[in-house]
Amino acid sequence: MFVSVVIPCYNSQATIRKVVELVTEEFEKNPGYDCEFVLVNDHSKDDTFGAIRRLAQQRDNVKGVDLLRNFGQHNALMAALAYAEGDYILGMDDDMQTHPSQIFKLIAKIEEGYDLVYGVYPRKKNSFFKNLSSKLNEVSSRILLGRPKEILSSNFWIITQAVQREVVKYTSYNPYIDGIFYRTTHNIGNVTVEHFKREVGTSNYTLRKLVRLWLAYWNYSVIPLRISSVLGMLSACGGFIAAVVIVIKKLLSPDIPVGWSSIICIMVVFFGLVLMVLGIMGEYLGKMLLTLNHTPQYIVRETINIEESGKPKER
């Protein structure tokens, strides 16, 4: 069984060699399994691609991909999937939090017949802010992406080659890998794995990047538009009821003054709703415009140990 290990790399000069060595050790312990590595450098600020190049020169099963600029983790994953050739494709991080010692738990689970398996953590060793964002991600993905209720997701996963072939057909500039998975299959399993501490540095996800990632959910759902429609109808009903109440009160008591403060409050609420709905519509229109303008999903500067086989250098 041949497994492609795909890893998006960003500022991982100090850890990527150890990741490759530990993964290789795990496969050497399990006869009948072999692996390749597809390491994508997402325009790191350090010498990450230099480390990848040295690994590729020493190991024929290491493929290196260097992106022209920073496109983001999920775009880098899409680039890696385009070059993966395994029967199974395993996604993991470059910082040792998704630890190589846990890989064969995922492989054993997917061999039960699943299309996709996530490794889930009984206890995450992240900061409070990161854990909070993960919890919000769980709720949002269930509502917006249709993730099955009994399934938890993580950045430690394995898919079959059939799922990979469908995933790489997606060409939008702003992919969210889990959203594409859920659109492809609901034959998903979970397996408990241990979560390790980051060995070097801190998370590269800033608040801005987390918001951008959350907005990527909208590529796979029209629920925000439906929510805005419901809010619009509720506010219209509320405005109509308020108008009827004011008219009745004025008819019953002509001397009652109509307060300007109440009118201002109503206007602020309604205009706020209108602007929110326009913002949601604008977000969708902006994504459509960028897609129609063929904004690239990723652009490859250089590859190592990859034969030219017609795979696109720009998507």
C-alpha atoms as a PDB file:
ATOM      1  CA  MET A   1       0.000   0.000   0.000  1.00  0.00           C
ATOM      2  CA  PHE A   2       1.442   3.325  -1.135  1.00  0.00           C
ATOM      3  CA  VAL A   3       0.711   6.423   0.979  1.00  0.00           C
ATOM      4  CA  SER A   4       1.347  10.032  -0.053  1.00  0.00           C
ATOM      5  CA  VAL A   5       2.134  12.269   2.924  1.00  0.00           C
ATOM      6  CA  VAL A   6       1.223  15.849   1.992  1.00  0.00           C
ATOM      7  CA  ILE A   7       2.540  18.667   4.172  1.00  0.00           C
ATOM      8  CA  PRO A   8       2.103  22.424   3.668  1.00  0.00           C
ATOM      9  CA  CYS A   9       5.256  24.065   5.000  1.00  0.00           C
ATOM     10  CA  TYR A  10       5.624  27.579   6.362  1.00  0.00           C
ATOM     11  CA  ASN A  11       8.674  28.672   8.359  1.00  0.00           C
ATOM     12  CA  SER A  12       9.430  25.024   9.168  1.00  0.00           C
ATOM     13  CA  GLN A  13      13.144  24.984   8.461  1.00  0.00           C
ATOM     14  CA  ALA A  14      13.820  23.678  11.972  1.00  0.00           C
ATOM     15  CA  THR A  15      11.228  20.858  12.002  1.00  0.00           C
ATOM     16  CA  ILE A  16      10.550  19.497   8.514  1.00  0.00           C
ATOM     17  CA  ARG A  17      13.565  17.146   8.443  1.00  0.00           C
ATOM     18  CA  LYS A  18      12.576  15.594  11.765  1.00  0.00           C
ATOM     19  CA  VAL A  19       8.981  15.140  10.544  1.00  0.00           C
ATOM     20  CA  VAL A  20      10.184  13.296   7.422  1.00  0.00           C
ATOM     21  CA  GLU A  21      12.609  11.119   9.395  1.00  0.00           C
ATOM     22  CA  LEU A  22      10.021  10.125  12.027  1.00  0.00           C
ATOM     23  CA  VAL A  23       7.368   9.356   9.391  1.00  0.00           C
ATOM     24  CA  THR A  24       9.899   7.213   7.514  1.00  0.00           C
ATOM     25  CA  GLU A  25      10.666   5.298  10.723  1.00  0.00           C
ATOM     26  CA  GLU A  26       6.969   4.541  11.208  1.00  0.00           C
ATOM     27  CA  PHE A  27       6.637   3.122   7.696  1.00  0.00           C
ATOM     28  CA  GLU A  28       9.784   1.031   8.122  1.00  0.00           C
ATOM     29  CA  LYS A  29       8.125  -0.589  11.150  1.00  0.00           C
ATOM     30  CA  ASN A  30       5.140  -1.662   9.007  1.00  0.00           C
ATOM     31  CA  PRO A  31       6.052  -4.008   6.137  1.00  0.00           C
ATOM     32  CA  GLY A  32       3.741  -3.824   3.159  1.00  0.00           C
ATOM     33  CA  TYR A  33       3.447  -0.032   3.317  1.00  0.00           C
ATOM     34  CA  ASP A  34       5.535   2.535   1.495  1.00  0.00           C
ATOM     35  CA  CYS A  35       5.291   6.320   1.338  1.00  0.00           C
ATOM     36  CA  GLU A  36       6.210   9.435  -0.542  1.00  0.00           C
ATOM     37  CA  PHE A  37       6.309  13.005   0.722  1.00  0.00           C
ATOM     38  CA  VAL A  38       4.880  16.027  -1.075  1.00  0.00           C
ATOM     39  CA  LEU A  39       6.260  19.081   0.727  1.00  0.00           C
ATOM     40  CA  VAL A  40       4.890  22.452  -0.387  1.00  0.00           C
ATOM     41  CA  ASN A  41       6.750  25.582   0.682  1.00  0.00           C
ATOM     42  CA  ASP A  42       4.169  28.361   1.038  1.00  0.00           C
ATOM     43  CA  HIS A  43       6.691  31.185   0.497  1.00  0.00           C
ATOM     44  CA  SER A  44       8.318  30.859   3.916  1.00  0.00           C
ATOM     45  CA  LYS A  45      10.393  33.666   5.383  1.00  0.00           C
ATOM     46  CA  ASP A  46      13.181  31.290   6.421  1.00  0.00           C
ATOM     47  CA  ASP A  47      15.104  28.626   4.473  1.00  0.00           C
ATOM     48  CA  THR A  48      12.303  26.064   4.472  1.00  0.00           C
ATOM     49  CA  PHE A  49      12.630  25.328   0.768  1.00  0.00           C
ATOM     50  CA  GLY A  50      16.381  24.924   1.195  1.00  0.00           C
ATOM     51  CA  ALA A  51      15.654  22.245   3.812  1.00  0.00           C
ATOM     52  CA  ILE A  52      13.150  20.604   1.438  1.00  0.00           C
ATOM     53  CA  ARG A  53      15.699  20.702  -1.388  1.00  0.00           C
ATOM     54  CA  ARG A  54      18.317  18.972   0.759  1.00  0.00           C
ATOM     55  CA  LEU A  55      15.809  16.296   1.774  1.00  0.00           C
ATOM     56  CA  ALA A  56      14.817  15.732  -1.869  1.00  0.00           C
ATOM     57  CA  GLN A  57      18.462  15.366  -2.882  1.00  0.00           C
ATOM     58  CA  GLN A  58      18.942  12.695  -0.239  1.00  0.00           C
ATOM     59  CA  ARG A  59      15.611  10.878  -0.642  1.00  0.00           C
ATOM     60  CA  ASP A  60      14.000   9.965  -3.947  1.00  0.00           C
ATOM     61  CA  ASN A  61      10.569   9.739  -2.313  1.00  0.00           C
ATOM     62  CA  VAL A  62      10.541  13.424  -1.310  1.00  0.00           C
ATOM     63  CA  LYS A  63       8.839  15.798  -3.750  1.00  0.00           C
ATOM     64  CA  GLY A  64       9.366  19.501  -3.258  1.00  0.00           C
ATOM     65  CA  VAL A  65       7.066  22.284  -4.460  1.00  0.00           C
ATOM     66  CA  ASP A  66       7.896  25.970  -4.038  1.00  0.00           C
ATOM     67  CA  LEU A  67       5.044  28.479  -4.394  1.00  0.00           C
ATOM     68  CA  LEU A  68       5.642  31.902  -5.916  1.00  0.00           C
ATOM     69  CA  ARG A  69       4.018  33.731  -2.983  1.00  0.00           C
ATOM     70  CA  ASN A  70       2.151  32.968   0.211  1.00  0.00           C
ATOM     71  CA  PHE A  71      -1.255  31.530  -0.734  1.00  0.00           C
ATOM     72  CA  GLY A  72      -2.319  30.027   2.596  1.00  0.00           C
ATOM     73  CA  GLN A  73      -2.394  26.561   4.146  1.00  0.00           C
ATOM     74  CA  HIS A  74      -5.389  25.224   2.243  1.00  0.00           C
ATOM     75  CA  ASN A  75      -4.119  26.468  -1.116  1.00  0.00           C
ATOM     76  CA  ALA A  76      -0.782  24.806  -0.384  1.00  0.00           C
ATOM     77  CA  LEU A  77      -2.658  21.582   0.431  1.00  0.00           C
ATOM     78  CA  MET A  78      -4.420  21.766  -2.927  1.00  0.00           C
ATOM     79  CA  ALA A  79      -1.033  22.102  -4.621  1.00  0.00           C
ATOM     80  CA  ALA A  80       0.266  19.083  -2.697  1.00  0.00           C
ATOM     81  CA  LEU A  81      -2.786  16.983  -3.608  1.00  0.00           C
ATOM     82  CA  ALA A  82      -2.187  17.734  -7.296  1.00  0.00           C
ATOM     83  CA  TYR A  83       1.183  15.977  -7.104  1.00  0.00           C
ATOM     84  CA  ALA A  84       0.233  13.091  -4.778  1.00  0.00           C
ATOM     85  CA  GLU A  85       0.160   9.614  -6.336  1.00  0.00           C
ATOM     86  CA  GLY A  86      -0.586   7.313  -3.389  1.00  0.00           C
ATOM     87  CA  ASP A  87      -3.428   4.862  -2.814  1.00  0.00           C
ATOM     88  CA  TYR A  88      -4.076   6.881   0.335  1.00  0.00           C
ATOM     89  CA  ILE A  89      -3.214  10.539   0.893  1.00  0.00           C
ATOM     90  CA  LEU A  90      -2.357  11.604   4.430  1.00  0.00           C
ATOM     91  CA  GLY A  91      -2.468  15.266   5.460  1.00  0.00           C
ATOM     92  CA  MET A  92      -0.451  16.489   8.435  1.00  0.00           C
ATOM     93  CA  ASP A  93       1.337  19.589   9.755  1.00  0.00           C
ATOM     94  CA  ASP A  94       4.990  20.549   9.705  1.00  0.00           C
ATOM     95  CA  ASP A  95       5.290  21.395  13.425  1.00  0.00           C
ATOM     96  CA  MET A  96       5.093  17.927  15.066  1.00  0.00           C
ATOM     97  CA  GLN A  97       1.661  18.551  16.606  1.00  0.00           C
ATOM     98  CA  THR A  98       0.206  15.947  14.242  1.00  0.00           C
ATOM     99  CA  HIS A  99       2.763  13.388  15.336  1.00  0.00           C
ATOM    100  CA  PRO A 100       4.123  10.654  13.037  1.00  0.00           C
ATOM    101  CA  SER A 101       3.653   8.050  15.784  1.00  0.00           C
ATOM    102  CA  GLN A 102      -0.131   8.348  15.278  1.00  0.00           C
ATOM    103  CA  ILE A 103      -0.171   7.797  11.485  1.00  0.00           C
ATOM    104  CA  PHE A 104      -1.017   4.102  11.459  1.00  0.00           C
ATOM    105  CA  LYS A 105      -4.061   4.689  13.656  1.00  0.00           C
ATOM    106  CA  LEU A 106      -5.518   6.653  10.739  1.00  0.00           C
ATOM    107  CA  ILE A 107      -4.408   4.060   8.184  1.00  0.00           C
ATOM    108  CA  ALA A 108      -5.972   1.214  10.181  1.00  0.00           C
ATOM    109  CA  LYS A 109      -9.253   3.135  10.452  1.00  0.00           C
ATOM    110  CA  ILE A 110      -9.547   4.007   6.754  1.00  0.00           C
ATOM    111  CA  GLU A 111      -8.905   0.363   5.856  1.00  0.00           C
ATOM    112  CA  GLU A 112     -12.238  -0.403   7.522  1.00  0.00           C
ATOM    113  CA  GLY A 113     -13.841   1.043   4.382  1.00  0.00           C
ATOM    114  CA  TYR A 114     -14.068   4.797   4.970  1.00  0.00           C
ATOM    115  CA  ASP A 115     -13.358   7.420   2.300  1.00  0.00           C
ATOM    116  CA  LEU A 116     -12.057   9.947   4.818  1.00  0.00           C
ATOM    117  CA  VAL A 117     -10.786   9.623   8.375  1.00  0.00           C
ATOM    118  CA  TYR A 118      -9.955  12.441  10.777  1.00  0.00           C
ATOM    119  CA  GLY A 119      -7.691  12.086  13.757  1.00  0.00           C
ATOM    120  CA  VAL A 120      -9.411  13.706  16.722  1.00  0.00           C
ATOM    121  CA  TYR A 121      -7.802  14.850  19.953  1.00  0.00           C
ATOM    122  CA  PRO A 122      -9.194  14.033  23.406  1.00  0.00           C
ATOM    123  CA  ARG A 123      -7.254  17.030  24.714  1.00  0.00           C
ATOM    124  CA  LYS A 124      -5.735  19.735  22.537  1.00  0.00           C
ATOM    125  CA  LYS A 125      -2.460  21.328  23.592  1.00  0.00           C
ATOM    126  CA  ASN A 126      -3.198  24.746  22.137  1.00  0.00           C
ATOM    127  CA  SER A 127      -3.730  28.208  23.568  1.00  0.00           C
ATOM    128  CA  PHE A 128      -7.155  29.227  24.880  1.00  0.00           C
ATOM    129  CA  PHE A 129      -7.690  31.465  21.832  1.00  0.00           C
ATOM    130  CA  LYS A 130      -6.843  28.641  19.411  1.00  0.00           C
ATOM    131  CA  ASN A 131      -9.117  26.184  21.236  1.00  0.00           C
ATOM    132  CA  LEU A 132     -11.944  28.751  21.199  1.00  0.00           C
ATOM    133  CA  SER A 133     -11.541  29.306  17.452  1.00  0.00           C
ATOM    134  CA  SER A 134     -11.561  25.522  16.945  1.00  0.00           C
ATOM    135  CA  LYS A 135     -14.852  25.248  18.832  1.00  0.00           C
ATOM    136  CA  LEU A 136     -16.384  28.035  16.730  1.00  0.00           C
ATOM    137  CA  ASN A 137     -15.087  26.227  13.659  1.00  0.00           C
ATOM    138  CA  GLU A 138     -16.889  23.044  14.723  1.00  0.00           C
ATOM    139  CA  VAL A 139     -20.214  24.835  15.074  1.00  0.00           C
ATOM    140  CA  SER A 140     -19.808  26.842  11.862  1.00  0.00           C
ATOM    141  CA  SER A 141     -18.765  23.868   9.765  1.00  0.00           C
ATOM    142  CA  ARG A 142     -21.769  21.869  10.938  1.00  0.00           C
ATOM    143  CA  ILE A 143     -24.171  24.696  10.026  1.00  0.00           C
ATOM    144  CA  LEU A 144     -22.565  26.053   6.858  1.00  0.00           C
ATOM    145  CA  LEU A 145     -20.803  23.023   5.390  1.00  0.00           C
ATOM    146  CA  GLY A 146     -23.144  20.213   6.352  1.00  0.00           C
ATOM    147  CA  ARG A 147     -20.567  18.299   8.405  1.00  0.00           C
ATOM    148  CA  PRO A 148     -22.204  15.204   9.920  1.00  0.00           C
ATOM    149  CA  LYS A 149     -23.052  15.827  13.586  1.00  0.00           C
ATOM    150  CA  GLU A 150     -21.204  12.789  14.876  1.00  0.00           C
ATOM    151  CA  ILE A 151     -17.983  13.657  13.014  1.00  0.00           C
ATOM    152  CA  LEU A 152     -15.194  15.901  14.289  1.00  0.00           C
ATOM    153  CA  SER A 153     -12.568  17.348  11.968  1.00  0.00           C
ATOM    154  CA  SER A 154      -8.915  18.253  12.352  1.00  0.00           C
ATOM    155  CA  ASN A 155      -5.840  19.001  10.268  1.00  0.00           C
ATOM    156  CA  PHE A 156      -4.721  15.347  10.642  1.00  0.00           C
ATOM    157  CA  TRP A 157      -6.607  13.309   8.039  1.00  0.00           C
ATOM    158  CA  ILE A 158      -6.349  10.574   5.433  1.00  0.00           C
ATOM    159  CA  ILE A 159      -8.360  10.135   2.227  1.00  0.00           C
ATOM    160  CA  THR A 160      -8.608   7.559  -0.538  1.00  0.00           C
ATOM    161  CA  GLN A 161      -7.323   8.169  -4.035  1.00  0.00           C
ATOM    162  CA  ALA A 162     -10.936   8.360  -5.270  1.00  0.00           C
ATOM    163  CA  VAL A 163     -11.621  11.335  -2.984  1.00  0.00           C
ATOM    164  CA  GLN A 164      -8.356  12.981  -4.034  1.00  0.00           C
ATOM    165  CA  ARG A 165      -9.312  12.760  -7.718  1.00  0.00           C
ATOM    166  CA  GLU A 166     -12.515  14.672  -6.978  1.00  0.00           C
ATOM    167  CA  VAL A 167     -10.891  17.243  -4.680  1.00  0.00           C
ATOM    168  CA  VAL A 168      -8.273  18.343  -7.232  1.00  0.00           C
ATOM    169  CA  LYS A 169     -11.057  19.232  -9.693  1.00  0.00           C
ATOM    170  CA  TYR A 170     -11.892  22.230  -7.492  1.00  0.00           C
ATOM    171  CA  THR A 171     -10.218  25.335  -8.922  1.00  0.00           C
ATOM    172  CA  SER A 172     -11.612  28.283  -6.928  1.00  0.00           C
ATOM    173  CA  TYR A 173      -8.986  30.714  -5.644  1.00  0.00           C
ATOM    174  CA  ASN A 174     -10.079  30.362  -1.992  1.00  0.00           C
ATOM    175  CA  PRO A 175     -10.432  26.662  -1.109  1.00  0.00           C
ATOM    176  CA  TYR A 176     -11.349  25.192   2.255  1.00  0.00           C
ATOM    177  CA  ILE A 177     -10.199  21.599   2.202  1.00  0.00           C
ATOM    178  CA  ASP A 178     -12.754  20.234   4.694  1.00  0.00           C
ATOM    179  CA  GLY A 179     -15.606  21.868   2.798  1.00  0.00           C
ATOM    180  CA  ILE A 180     -14.478  20.097  -0.372  1.00  0.00           C
ATOM    181  CA  PHE A 181     -14.231  16.816   1.534  1.00  0.00           C
ATOM    182  CA  TYR A 182     -17.791  17.134   2.880  1.00  0.00           C
ATOM    183  CA  ARG A 183     -19.054  17.943  -0.607  1.00  0.00           C
ATOM    184  CA  THR A 184     -17.361  14.808  -1.938  1.00  0.00           C
ATOM    185  CA  THR A 185     -18.275  12.168   0.671  1.00  0.00           C
ATOM    186  CA  HIS A 186     -20.121  11.570   3.932  1.00  0.00           C
ATOM    187  CA  ASN A 187     -18.475   8.164   4.458  1.00  0.00           C
ATOM    188  CA  ILE A 188     -16.265   9.654   7.176  1.00  0.00           C
ATOM    189  CA  GLY A 189     -14.695   8.139  10.266  1.00  0.00           C
ATOM    190  CA  ASN A 190     -12.978   9.418  13.390  1.00  0.00           C
ATOM    191  CA  VAL A 191     -10.105   7.888  15.313  1.00  0.00           C
ATOM    192  CA  THR A 192      -8.636   9.190  18.569  1.00  0.00           C
ATOM    193  CA  VAL A 193      -5.021  10.303  18.359  1.00  0.00           C
ATOM    194  CA  GLU A 194      -2.695  12.050  20.773  1.00  0.00           C
ATOM    195  CA  HIS A 195      -2.108  15.772  20.281  1.00  0.00           C
ATOM    196  CA  PHE A 196       1.495  16.856  20.785  1.00  0.00           C
ATOM    197  CA  LYS A 197       2.874  20.270  21.646  1.00  0.00           C
ATOM    198  CA  ARG A 198       4.391  22.437  18.927  1.00  0.00           C
ATOM    199  CA  GLU A 199       8.159  21.917  19.101  1.00  0.00           C
ATOM    200  CA  VAL A 200       9.250  25.230  17.564  1.00  0.00           C
ATOM    201  CA  GLY A 201       7.602  28.663  17.325  1.00  0.00           C
ATOM    202  CA  THR A 202       3.941  29.569  17.587  1.00  0.00           C
ATOM    203  CA  SER A 203       0.861  29.246  15.396  1.00  0.00           C
ATOM    204  CA  ASN A 204       1.034  31.128  12.096  1.00  0.00           C
ATOM    205  CA  TYR A 205      -2.716  31.794  12.183  1.00  0.00           C
ATOM    206  CA  THR A 206      -3.434  35.412  13.072  1.00  0.00           C
ATOM    207  CA  LEU A 207      -6.952  36.737  13.732  1.00  0.00           C
ATOM    208  CA  ARG A 208      -7.039  38.086  10.170  1.00  0.00           C
ATOM    209  CA  LYS A 209      -6.128  34.688   8.720  1.00  0.00           C
ATOM    210  CA  LEU A 210      -8.725  32.936  10.889  1.00  0.00           C
ATOM    211  CA  VAL A 211     -11.441  35.329   9.682  1.00  0.00           C
ATOM    212  CA  ARG A 212     -10.350  34.799   6.072  1.00  0.00           C
ATOM    213  CA  LEU A 213     -10.493  31.036   6.588  1.00  0.00           C
ATOM    214  CA  TRP A 214     -13.973  31.294   8.103  1.00  0.00           C
ATOM    215  CA  LEU A 215     -15.169  33.372   5.153  1.00  0.00           C
ATOM    216  CA  ALA A 216     -13.964  30.578   2.871  1.00  0.00           C
ATOM    217  CA  TYR A 217     -16.870  28.508   4.270  1.00  0.00           C
ATOM    218  CA  TRP A 218     -19.177  30.726   2.231  1.00  0.00           C
ATOM    219  CA  ASN A 219     -17.814  29.190  -0.970  1.00  0.00           C
ATOM    220  CA  TYR A 220     -19.752  26.040  -0.139  1.00  0.00           C
ATOM    221  CA  SER A 221     -22.989  27.342   1.346  1.00  0.00           C
ATOM    222  CA  VAL A 222     -25.859  29.740   0.632  1.00  0.00           C
ATOM    223  CA  ILE A 223     -27.002  29.654   4.266  1.00  0.00           C
ATOM    224  CA  PRO A 224     -25.666  33.194   5.014  1.00  0.00           C
ATOM    225  CA  LEU A 225     -27.896  34.509   2.219  1.00  0.00           C
ATOM    226  CA  ARG A 226     -30.862  32.634   3.640  1.00  0.00           C
ATOM    227  CA  ILE A 227     -30.135  33.994   7.123  1.00  0.00           C
ATOM    228  CA  SER A 228     -29.999  37.531   5.722  1.00  0.00           C
ATOM    229  CA  SER A 229     -33.360  36.937   3.990  1.00  0.00           C
ATOM    230  CA  VAL A 230     -34.938  35.762   7.247  1.00  0.00           C
ATOM    231  CA  LEU A 231     -33.508  38.748   9.137  1.00  0.00           C
ATOM    232  CA  GLY A 232     -34.844  41.041   6.436  1.00  0.00           C
ATOM    233  CA  MET A 233     -38.326  39.555   6.745  1.00  0.00           C
ATOM    234  CA  LEU A 234     -38.236  39.723  10.549  1.00  0.00           C
ATOM    235  CA  SER A 235     -37.132  43.358  10.512  1.00  0.00           C
ATOM    236  CA  ALA A 236     -39.827  44.212   7.955  1.00  0.00           C
ATOM    237  CA  CYS A 237     -42.463  42.541  10.152  1.00  0.00           C
ATOM    238  CA  GLY A 238     -41.125  44.340  13.209  1.00  0.00           C
ATOM    239  CA  GLY A 239     -41.243  47.678  11.374  1.00  0.00           C
ATOM    240  CA  PHE A 240     -44.812  47.049  10.216  1.00  0.00           C
ATOM    241  CA  ILE A 241     -45.951  46.118  13.739  1.00  0.00           C
ATOM    242  CA  ALA A 242     -44.215  49.175  15.220  1.00  0.00           C
ATOM    243  CA  ALA A 243     -45.899  51.409  12.618  1.00  0.00           C
ATOM    244  CA  VAL A 244     -49.363  49.948  13.398  1.00  0.00           C
ATOM    245  CA  VAL A 245     -48.814  50.440  17.152  1.00  0.00           C
ATOM    246  CA  ILE A 246     -47.735  54.044  16.670  1.00  0.00           C
ATOM    247  CA  VAL A 247     -50.726  54.820  14.419  1.00  0.00           C
ATOM    248  CA  ILE A 248     -53.194  53.253  16.869  1.00  0.00           C
ATOM    249  CA  LYS A 249     -51.695  55.145  19.815  1.00  0.00           C
ATOM    250  CA  LYS A 250     -51.852  58.379  17.869  1.00  0.00           C
ATOM    251  CA  LEU A 251     -55.488  57.791  16.925  1.00  0.00           C
ATOM    252  CA  LEU A 252     -56.488  56.941  20.486  1.00  0.00           C
ATOM    253  CA  SER A 253     -54.504  59.789  22.036  1.00  0.00           C
ATOM    254  CA  PRO A 254     -53.886  62.593  19.494  1.00  0.00           C
ATOM    255  CA  ASP A 255     -51.999  64.623  22.101  1.00  0.00           C
ATOM    256  CA  ILE A 256     -49.294  61.925  22.490  1.00  0.00           C
ATOM    257  CA  PRO A 257     -46.083  63.266  20.886  1.00  0.00           C
ATOM    258  CA  VAL A 258     -44.255  60.970  18.501  1.00  0.00           C
ATOM    259  CA  GLY A 259     -40.720  60.818  19.919  1.00  0.00           C
ATOM    260  CA  TRP A 260     -37.815  61.435  17.565  1.00  0.00           C
ATOM    261  CA  SER A 261     -35.575  59.189  19.710  1.00  0.00           C
ATOM    262  CA  SER A 262     -37.721  56.117  19.070  1.00  0.00           C
ATOM    263  CA  ILE A 263     -37.704  56.858  15.332  1.00  0.00           C
ATOM    264  CA  ILE A 264     -33.918  57.207  15.335  1.00  0.00           C
ATOM    265  CA  CYS A 265     -33.530  53.908  17.200  1.00  0.00           C
ATOM    266  CA  ILE A 266     -35.748  52.101  14.702  1.00  0.00           C
ATOM    267  CA  MET A 267     -33.863  53.638  11.789  1.00  0.00           C
ATOM    268  CA  VAL A 268     -30.489  52.626  13.259  1.00  0.00           C
ATOM    269  CA  VAL A 269     -31.641  49.022  13.720  1.00  0.00           C
ATOM    270  CA  PHE A 270     -33.170  48.733  10.252  1.00  0.00           C
ATOM    271  CA  PHE A 271     -30.304  50.454   8.464  1.00  0.00           C
ATOM    272  CA  GLY A 272     -27.862  48.220  10.350  1.00  0.00           C
ATOM    273  CA  LEU A 273     -29.717  45.143   9.090  1.00  0.00           C
ATOM    274  CA  VAL A 274     -29.761  46.522   5.552  1.00  0.00           C
ATOM    275  CA  LEU A 275     -26.029  47.182   5.619  1.00  0.00           C
ATOM    276  CA  MET A 276     -25.357  43.727   7.037  1.00  0.00           C
ATOM    277  CA  VAL A 277     -27.388  42.075   4.270  1.00  0.00           C
ATOM    278  CA  LEU A 278     -25.629  44.199   1.659  1.00  0.00           C
ATOM    279  CA  GLY A 279     -22.295  43.165   3.163  1.00  0.00           C
ATOM    280  CA  ILE A 280     -23.176  39.479   2.876  1.00  0.00           C
ATOM    281  CA  MET A 281     -24.280  39.941  -0.729  1.00  0.00           C
ATOM    282  CA  GLY A 282     -21.119  41.924  -1.432  1.00  0.00           C
ATOM    283  CA  GLU A 283     -18.964  39.109  -0.038  1.00  0.00           C
ATOM    284  CA  TYR A 284     -20.571  36.651  -2.447  1.00  0.00           C
ATOM    285  CA  LEU A 285     -20.299  39.061  -5.383  1.00  0.00           C
ATOM    286  CA  GLY A 286     -16.645  39.707  -4.556  1.00  0.00           C
ATOM    287  CA  LYS A 287     -15.888  35.975  -4.547  1.00  0.00           C
ATOM    288  CA  MET A 288     -17.688  35.604  -7.887  1.00  0.00           C
ATOM    289  CA  LEU A 289     -15.681  38.481  -9.376  1.00  0.00           C
ATOM    290  CA  LEU A 290     -12.351  37.062  -8.220  1.00  0.00           C
ATOM    291  CA  THR A 291     -13.303  33.642  -9.582  1.00  0.00           C
ATOM    292  CA  LEU A 292     -14.376  35.072 -12.953  1.00  0.00           C
ATOM    293  CA  ASN A 293     -11.066  36.948 -13.106  1.00  0.00           C
ATOM    294  CA  HIS A 294      -9.277  33.584 -12.741  1.00  0.00           C
ATOM    295  CA  THR A 295      -7.499  34.520  -9.526  1.00  0.00           C
ATOM    296  CA  PRO A 296      -4.977  31.675  -9.135  1.00  0.00           C
ATOM    297  CA  GLN A 297      -5.391  29.045  -6.457  1.00  0.00           C
ATOM    298  CA  TYR A 298      -1.619  28.715  -6.354  1.00  0.00           C
ATOM    299  CA  ILE A 299       1.373  29.352  -8.628  1.00  0.00           C
ATOM    300  CA  VAL A 300       4.358  27.016  -8.613  1.00  0.00           C
ATOM    301  CA  ARG A 301       7.825  28.539  -8.883  1.00  0.00           C
ATOM    302  CA  GLU A 302       9.848  25.329  -8.800  1.00  0.00           C
ATOM    303  CA  THR A 303       9.470  21.595  -8.255  1.00  0.00           C
ATOM    304  CA  ILE A 304      11.978  18.946  -7.185  1.00  0.00           C
ATOM    305  CA  ASN A 305      11.789  15.191  -7.921  1.00  0.00           C
ATOM    306  CA  ILE A 306       8.605  15.725  -9.944  1.00  0.00           C
ATOM    307  CA  GLU A 307       8.480  14.672 -13.573  1.00  0.00           C
ATOM    308  CA  GLU A 308       6.648  16.936 -15.985  1.00  0.00           C
ATOM    309  CA  SER A 309       3.328  15.125 -16.490  1.00  0.00           C
ATOM    310  CA  GLY A 310       0.973  17.823 -17.670  1.00  0.00           C
ATOM    311  CA  LYS A 311      -0.016  18.904 -14.159  1.00  0.00           C
ATOM    312  CA  PRO A 312      -0.697  22.623 -14.065  1.00  0.00           C
ATOM    313  CA  LYS A 313       1.886  25.053 -12.723  1.00  0.00           C
ATOM    314  CA  GLU A 314      -0.832  27.574 -11.974  1.00  0.00           C
ATOM    315  CA  ARG A 315      -4.350  27.007 -10.654  1.00  0.00           C
END
